[in-house]
């Protein structure tokens, strides 16, 4: 669940950052994709940490 939230949040943050810097459509899509991957990895590691500590 945290991974999906990370993907959505990352895409929104990345798109917003690129648009605020005056990026074109390709820039906005690239920023959104990269931020989505980074946030998804962070969500994955957070999920793993949570599951490991609950055992």
PDB file of N, CA and C in Angstrom:
ATOM      1  N   UNK A   1       0.807  -1.189   0.000  1.00  0.00           N
ATOM      2  CA  UNK A   1       0.000   0.000   0.000  1.00  0.00           C
ATOM      3  C   UNK A   1       0.858   1.263   0.000  1.00  0.00           C
ATOM      4  N   UNK A   2       1.943   1.237   0.789  1.00  0.00           N
ATOM      5  CA  UNK A   2       2.820   2.403   0.822  1.00  0.00           C
ATOM      6  C   UNK A   2       3.525   2.628  -0.512  1.00  0.00           C
ATOM      7  N   UNK A   3       3.754   1.557  -1.244  1.00  0.00           N
ATOM      8  CA  UNK A   3       4.400   1.692  -2.551  1.00  0.00           C
ATOM      9  C   UNK A   3       3.480   2.438  -3.518  1.00  0.00           C
ATOM     10  N   UNK A   4       2.213   2.092  -3.508  1.00  0.00           N
ATOM     11  CA  UNK A   4       1.253   2.753  -4.401  1.00  0.00           C
ATOM     12  C   UNK A   4       1.092   4.221  -4.019  1.00  0.00           C
ATOM     13  N   UNK A   5       1.041   4.489  -2.717  1.00  0.00           N
ATOM     14  CA  UNK A   5       0.955   5.878  -2.265  1.00  0.00           C
ATOM     15  C   UNK A   5       2.214   6.636  -2.680  1.00  0.00           C
ATOM     16  N   UNK A   6       3.362   5.970  -2.585  1.00  0.00           N
ATOM     17  CA  UNK A   6       4.622   6.588  -3.002  1.00  0.00           C
ATOM     18  C   UNK A   6       4.654   6.907  -4.486  1.00  0.00           C
ATOM     19  N   UNK A   7       4.119   6.017  -5.301  1.00  0.00           N
ATOM     20  CA  UNK A   7       4.089   6.257  -6.747  1.00  0.00           C
ATOM     21  C   UNK A   7       3.227   7.473  -7.064  1.00  0.00           C
ATOM     22  N   UNK A   8       2.058   7.527  -6.462  1.00  0.00           N
ATOM     23  CA  UNK A   8       1.146   8.644  -6.737  1.00  0.00           C
ATOM     24  C   UNK A   8       1.727   9.952  -6.217  1.00  0.00           C
ATOM     25  N   UNK A   9       2.215   9.937  -4.981  1.00  0.00           N
ATOM     26  CA  UNK A   9       2.776  11.157  -4.396  1.00  0.00           C
ATOM     27  C   UNK A   9       4.014  11.609  -5.163  1.00  0.00           C
ATOM     28  N   UNK A  10       4.854  10.667  -5.552  1.00  0.00           N
ATOM     29  CA  UNK A  10       6.061  11.006  -6.298  1.00  0.00           C
ATOM     30  C   UNK A  10       5.755  11.610  -7.654  1.00  0.00           C
ATOM     31  N   UNK A  11       4.768  11.056  -8.327  1.00  0.00           N
ATOM     32  CA  UNK A  11       4.387  11.597  -9.639  1.00  0.00           C
ATOM     33  C   UNK A  11       3.837  13.011  -9.497  1.00  0.00           C
ATOM     34  N   UNK A  12       3.049  13.236  -8.460  1.00  0.00           N
ATOM     35  CA  UNK A  12       2.500  14.580  -8.247  1.00  0.00           C
ATOM     36  C   UNK A  12       3.598  15.578  -7.891  1.00  0.00           C
ATOM     37  N   UNK A  13       4.487  15.189  -6.995  1.00  0.00           N
ATOM     38  CA  UNK A  13       5.570  16.088  -6.587  1.00  0.00           C
ATOM     39  C   UNK A  13       6.505  16.361  -7.765  1.00  0.00           C
ATOM     40  N   UNK A  14       6.864  15.326  -8.500  1.00  0.00           N
ATOM     41  CA  UNK A  14       7.764  15.505  -9.643  1.00  0.00           C
ATOM     42  C   UNK A  14       7.156  16.376 -10.725  1.00  0.00           C
ATOM     43  N   UNK A  15       5.890  16.140 -11.030  1.00  0.00           N
ATOM     44  CA  UNK A  15       5.216  16.965 -12.031  1.00  0.00           C
ATOM     45  C   UNK A  15       5.119  18.413 -11.599  1.00  0.00           C
ATOM     46  N   UNK A  16       4.836  18.624 -10.321  1.00  0.00           N
ATOM     47  CA  UNK A  16       4.733  19.988  -9.793  1.00  0.00           C
ATOM     48  C   UNK A  16       6.074  20.698  -9.836  1.00  0.00           C
ATOM     49  N   UNK A  17       7.157  19.988  -9.479  1.00  0.00           N
ATOM     50  CA  UNK A  17       8.494  20.602  -9.504  1.00  0.00           C
ATOM     51  C   UNK A  17       8.897  20.991 -10.913  1.00  0.00           C
ATOM     52  N   UNK A  18       8.653  20.115 -11.873  1.00  0.00           N
ATOM     53  CA  UNK A  18       9.033  20.412 -13.251  1.00  0.00           C
ATOM     54  C   UNK A  18       8.206  21.565 -13.808  1.00  0.00           C
ATOM     55  N   UNK A  19       6.931  21.573 -13.494  1.00  0.00           N
ATOM     56  CA  UNK A  19       6.067  22.639 -13.996  1.00  0.00           C
ATOM     57  C   UNK A  19       6.434  23.978 -13.371  1.00  0.00           C
ATOM     58  N   UNK A  20       6.793  23.980 -12.100  1.00  0.00           N
ATOM     59  CA  UNK A  20       7.164  25.232 -11.445  1.00  0.00           C
ATOM     60  C   UNK A  20       8.487  25.776 -11.971  1.00  0.00           C
ATOM     61  N   UNK A  21       9.310  24.907 -12.538  1.00  0.00           N
ATOM     62  CA  UNK A  21      10.580  25.347 -13.125  1.00  0.00           C
ATOM     63  C   UNK A  21      10.441  25.703 -14.600  1.00  0.00           C
ATOM     64  N   UNK A  22       9.225  25.642 -15.099  1.00  0.00           N
ATOM     65  CA  UNK A  22       8.986  26.022 -16.487  1.00  0.00           C
ATOM     66  C   UNK A  22       9.291  24.933 -17.499  1.00  0.00           C
ATOM     67  N   UNK A  23       9.166  23.688 -17.099  1.00  0.00           N
ATOM     68  CA  UNK A  23       9.468  22.573 -17.985  1.00  0.00           C
ATOM     69  C   UNK A  23       8.375  22.315 -19.003  1.00  0.00           C
ATOM     70  N   UNK A  24       8.784  21.744 -20.116  1.00  0.00           N
ATOM     71  CA  UNK A  24       7.825  21.348 -21.147  1.00  0.00           C
ATOM     72  C   UNK A  24       7.224  19.996 -20.766  1.00  0.00           C
ATOM     73  N   UNK A  25       6.357  19.488 -21.614  1.00  0.00           N
ATOM     74  CA  UNK A  25       5.628  18.252 -21.306  1.00  0.00           C
ATOM     75  C   UNK A  25       6.574  17.080 -21.059  1.00  0.00           C
ATOM     76  N   UNK A  26       7.604  16.945 -21.878  1.00  0.00           N
ATOM     77  CA  UNK A  26       8.552  15.844 -21.707  1.00  0.00           C
ATOM     78  C   UNK A  26       9.297  15.966 -20.382  1.00  0.00           C
ATOM     79  N   UNK A  27       9.652  17.188 -19.994  1.00  0.00           N
ATOM     80  CA  UNK A  27      10.330  17.402 -18.717  1.00  0.00           C
ATOM     81  C   UNK A  27       9.428  17.026 -17.556  1.00  0.00           C
ATOM     82  N   UNK A  28       8.162  17.428 -17.640  1.00  0.00           N
ATOM     83  CA  UNK A  28       7.207  17.131 -16.574  1.00  0.00           C
ATOM     84  C   UNK A  28       7.021  15.619 -16.435  1.00  0.00           C
ATOM     85  N   UNK A  29       6.905  14.932 -17.555  1.00  0.00           N
ATOM     86  CA  UNK A  29       6.740  13.474 -17.516  1.00  0.00           C
ATOM     87  C   UNK A  29       7.976  12.780 -16.952  1.00  0.00           C
ATOM     88  N   UNK A  30       9.162  13.270 -17.325  1.00  0.00           N
ATOM     89  CA  UNK A  30      10.387  12.659 -16.826  1.00  0.00           C
ATOM     90  C   UNK A  30      10.531  12.881 -15.318  1.00  0.00           C
ATOM     91  N   UNK A  31      10.309  14.082 -14.862  1.00  0.00           N
ATOM     92  CA  UNK A  31      10.373  14.365 -13.431  1.00  0.00           C
ATOM     93  C   UNK A  31       9.355  13.513 -12.671  1.00  0.00           C
ATOM     94  N   UNK A  32       8.140  13.422 -13.205  1.00  0.00           N
ATOM     95  CA  UNK A  32       7.101  12.640 -12.539  1.00  0.00           C
ATOM     96  C   UNK A  32       7.512  11.165 -12.454  1.00  0.00           C
ATOM     97  N   UNK A  33       8.067  10.622 -13.522  1.00  0.00           N
ATOM     98  CA  UNK A  33       8.462   9.209 -13.526  1.00  0.00           C
ATOM     99  C   UNK A  33       9.601   8.941 -12.542  1.00  0.00           C
ATOM    100  N   UNK A  34      10.598   9.800 -12.549  1.00  0.00           N
ATOM    101  CA  UNK A  34      11.751   9.594 -11.662  1.00  0.00           C
ATOM    102  C   UNK A  34      11.340   9.747 -10.199  1.00  0.00           C
ATOM    103  N   UNK A  35      10.564  10.758  -9.897  1.00  0.00           N
ATOM    104  CA  UNK A  35      10.112  10.940  -8.522  1.00  0.00           C
ATOM    105  C   UNK A  35       9.204   9.787  -8.081  1.00  0.00           C
ATOM    106  N   UNK A  36       8.383   9.290  -8.982  1.00  0.00           N
ATOM    107  CA  UNK A  36       7.529   8.152  -8.649  1.00  0.00           C
ATOM    108  C   UNK A  36       8.372   6.928  -8.293  1.00  0.00           C
ATOM    109  N   UNK A  37       9.434   6.680  -9.037  1.00  0.00           N
ATOM    110  CA  UNK A  37      10.307   5.541  -8.738  1.00  0.00           C
ATOM    111  C   UNK A  37      11.015   5.717  -7.399  1.00  0.00           C
ATOM    112  N   UNK A  38      11.499   6.924  -7.132  1.00  0.00           N
ATOM    113  CA  UNK A  38      12.195   7.179  -5.870  1.00  0.00           C
ATOM    114  C   UNK A  38      11.249   7.016  -4.686  1.00  0.00           C
ATOM    115  N   UNK A  39      10.060   7.606  -4.793  1.00  0.00           N
ATOM    116  CA  UNK A  39       9.097   7.510  -3.701  1.00  0.00           C
ATOM    117  C   UNK A  39       8.607   6.071  -3.532  1.00  0.00           C
ATOM    118  N   UNK A  40       8.481   5.318  -4.624  1.00  0.00           N
ATOM    119  CA  UNK A  40       8.056   3.923  -4.528  1.00  0.00           C
ATOM    120  C   UNK A  40       9.111   3.092  -3.799  1.00  0.00           C
ATOM    121  N   UNK A  41      10.384   3.338  -4.085  1.00  0.00           N
ATOM    122  CA  UNK A  41      11.445   2.628  -3.375  1.00  0.00           C
ATOM    123  C   UNK A  41      11.444   2.981  -1.894  1.00  0.00           C
ATOM    124  N   UNK A  42      11.230   4.246  -1.593  1.00  0.00           N
ATOM    125  CA  UNK A  42      11.158   4.658  -0.190  1.00  0.00           C
ATOM    126  C   UNK A  42       9.982   3.963   0.498  1.00  0.00           C
ATOM    127  N   UNK A  43       8.845   3.873  -0.174  1.00  0.00           N
ATOM    128  CA  UNK A  43       7.687   3.177   0.378  1.00  0.00           C
ATOM    129  C   UNK A  43       7.950   1.695   0.567  1.00  0.00           C
ATOM    130  N   UNK A  44       8.674   1.098  -0.372  1.00  0.00           N
ATOM    131  CA  UNK A  44       9.012  -0.317  -0.257  1.00  0.00           C
ATOM    132  C   UNK A  44       9.889  -0.570   0.962  1.00  0.00           C
ATOM    133  N   UNK A  45      10.936   0.238   1.131  1.00  0.00           N
ATOM    134  CA  UNK A  45      11.821   0.058   2.276  1.00  0.00           C
ATOM    135  C   UNK A  45      11.094   0.336   3.587  1.00  0.00           C
ATOM    136  N   UNK A  46      10.221   1.318   3.592  1.00  0.00           N
ATOM    137  CA  UNK A  46       9.446   1.607   4.794  1.00  0.00           C
ATOM    138  C   UNK A  46       8.519   0.445   5.136  1.00  0.00           C
ATOM    139  N   UNK A  47       7.920  -0.151   4.128  1.00  0.00           N
ATOM    140  CA  UNK A  47       7.072  -1.327   4.338  1.00  0.00           C
ATOM    141  C   UNK A  47       7.881  -2.487   4.903  1.00  0.00           C
ATOM    142  N   UNK A  48       9.063  -2.712   4.354  1.00  0.00           N
ATOM    143  CA  UNK A  48       9.906  -3.795   4.856  1.00  0.00           C
ATOM    144  C   UNK A  48      10.324  -3.562   6.302  1.00  0.00           C
ATOM    145  N   UNK A  49      10.667  -2.335   6.636  1.00  0.00           N
ATOM    146  CA  UNK A  49      11.063  -2.011   8.008  1.00  0.00           C
ATOM    147  C   UNK A  49       9.888  -2.228   8.958  1.00  0.00           C
ATOM    148  N   UNK A  50       8.713  -1.783   8.554  1.00  0.00           N
ATOM    149  CA  UNK A  50       7.523  -1.947   9.409  1.00  0.00           C
ATOM    150  C   UNK A  50       7.235  -3.430   9.632  1.00  0.00           C
ATOM    151  N   UNK A  51       7.291  -4.234   8.583  1.00  0.00           N
ATOM    152  CA  UNK A  51       6.990  -5.657   8.717  1.00  0.00           C
ATOM    153  C   UNK A  51       8.041  -6.386   9.545  1.00  0.00           C
ATOM    154  N   UNK A  52       9.300  -5.988   9.410  1.00  0.00           N
ATOM    155  CA  UNK A  52      10.350  -6.640  10.184  1.00  0.00           C
ATOM    156  C   UNK A  52      10.250  -6.322  11.664  1.00  0.00           C
ATOM    157  N   UNK A  53       9.850  -5.100  11.981  1.00  0.00           N
ATOM    158  CA  UNK A  53       9.789  -4.728  13.397  1.00  0.00           C
ATOM    159  C   UNK A  53       8.546  -5.291  14.090  1.00  0.00           C
ATOM    160  N   UNK A  54       7.532  -5.681  13.329  1.00  0.00           N
ATOM    161  CA  UNK A  54       6.316  -6.221  13.928  1.00  0.00           C
ATOM    162  C   UNK A  54       6.443  -7.706  14.258  1.00  0.00           C
ATOM    163  N   UNK A  55       7.469  -8.347  13.776  1.00  0.00           N
ATOM    164  CA  UNK A  55       7.623  -9.796  14.010  1.00  0.00           C
ATOM    165  C   UNK A  55       8.264 -10.050  15.341  1.00  0.00           C
TER     166      UNK A  55
END
